[in-house]
Protein backbone atom coordinates (compact mmCIF):
# COMPACT_ATOMS: atom_id res chain seq x y z
CA MET A 1 0.00 0.00 0.00
CA HIS A 2 1.28 3.46 -0.77
CA VAL A 3 1.04 6.52 1.41
CA MET A 4 0.73 9.86 -0.31
CA SER A 5 0.57 13.27 1.27
CA SER A 6 -2.37 15.60 0.99
CA PRO A 7 -2.98 17.07 -2.46
CA LYS A 8 -2.12 20.54 -1.13
CA PHE A 9 1.25 19.34 0.18
CA GLU A 10 2.00 17.48 -3.05
CA VAL A 11 1.24 20.54 -5.18
CA ALA A 12 3.28 22.81 -2.91
CA SER A 13 6.23 20.40 -3.11
CA MET A 14 5.89 20.19 -6.88
CA LEU A 15 5.80 23.98 -7.22
CA GLU A 16 8.89 24.31 -5.04
CA SER A 17 10.78 21.91 -7.30
CA LEU A 18 9.93 23.72 -10.55
CA PRO A 19 12.13 26.51 -11.91
CA ASP A 20 10.96 30.07 -11.24
CA ASP A 21 10.41 30.64 -14.96
CA SER A 22 7.94 27.74 -15.32
CA SER A 23 4.94 28.51 -17.49
CA PHE A 24 1.33 27.75 -16.65
CA GLU A 25 1.58 24.93 -19.20
CA ASP A 26 4.59 23.47 -17.33
CA ILE A 27 2.67 23.59 -14.06
CA GLN A 28 -0.44 22.08 -15.63
CA TYR A 29 1.61 19.24 -17.13
CA HIS A 30 3.21 18.45 -13.77
CA LEU A 31 -0.22 18.45 -12.09
CA TYR A 32 -1.42 16.04 -14.78
CA VAL A 33 1.52 13.72 -14.13
CA LEU A 34 0.93 13.82 -10.35
CA GLU A 35 -2.72 12.86 -10.89
CA LYS A 36 -1.81 10.00 -13.25
CA ILE A 37 0.69 8.64 -10.72
CA LYS A 38 -1.90 8.84 -7.94
CA ARG A 39 -4.48 7.02 -10.06
CA GLY A 40 -1.97 4.32 -10.97
CA LEU A 41 -0.98 3.77 -7.35
CA ASP A 42 -4.64 3.65 -6.29
CA ARG A 43 -5.37 1.12 -9.03
CA ALA A 44 -2.38 -1.01 -8.01
CA ASP A 45 -3.69 -0.98 -4.42
CA SER A 46 -7.22 -1.98 -5.43
CA GLU A 47 -6.50 -4.39 -8.29
CA GLY A 48 -3.01 -5.64 -7.53
CA VAL A 49 0.01 -5.74 -9.79
CA LEU A 50 1.65 -8.28 -12.09
CA SER A 51 4.86 -10.07 -11.26
CA ASP A 52 7.89 -9.22 -13.39
CA GLU A 53 7.75 -12.67 -14.98
CA THR A 54 4.09 -12.30 -15.98
CA ALA A 55 4.68 -8.82 -17.39
CA ILE A 56 7.66 -10.05 -19.43
CA ARG A 57 5.65 -13.00 -20.81
CA ARG A 58 2.82 -10.67 -21.84
CA LEU A 59 5.20 -8.20 -23.48
CA ASP A 60 6.94 -11.03 -25.33
CA ARG A 61 3.61 -12.15 -26.79
CA TRP A 62 2.73 -8.61 -27.87
CA LEU A 63 6.15 -7.78 -29.30
CA SER A 64 6.89 -11.07 -31.04
CA PRO A 65 6.42 -11.01 -34.81
């Protein structure tokens, strides 16, 4: 299970890490990435994850000619 901080803390931390000349588009993109990461972690918690071996087998099937 993952533990994430409050959204306000995460955004404040993200803003602190960005350069001072960041555009609104840069900030929006980073917010988008934070949300995607949160959704992925929530989904992993609720649905589980694949083992490395299973993921490699699936990729091999998809990538094999």
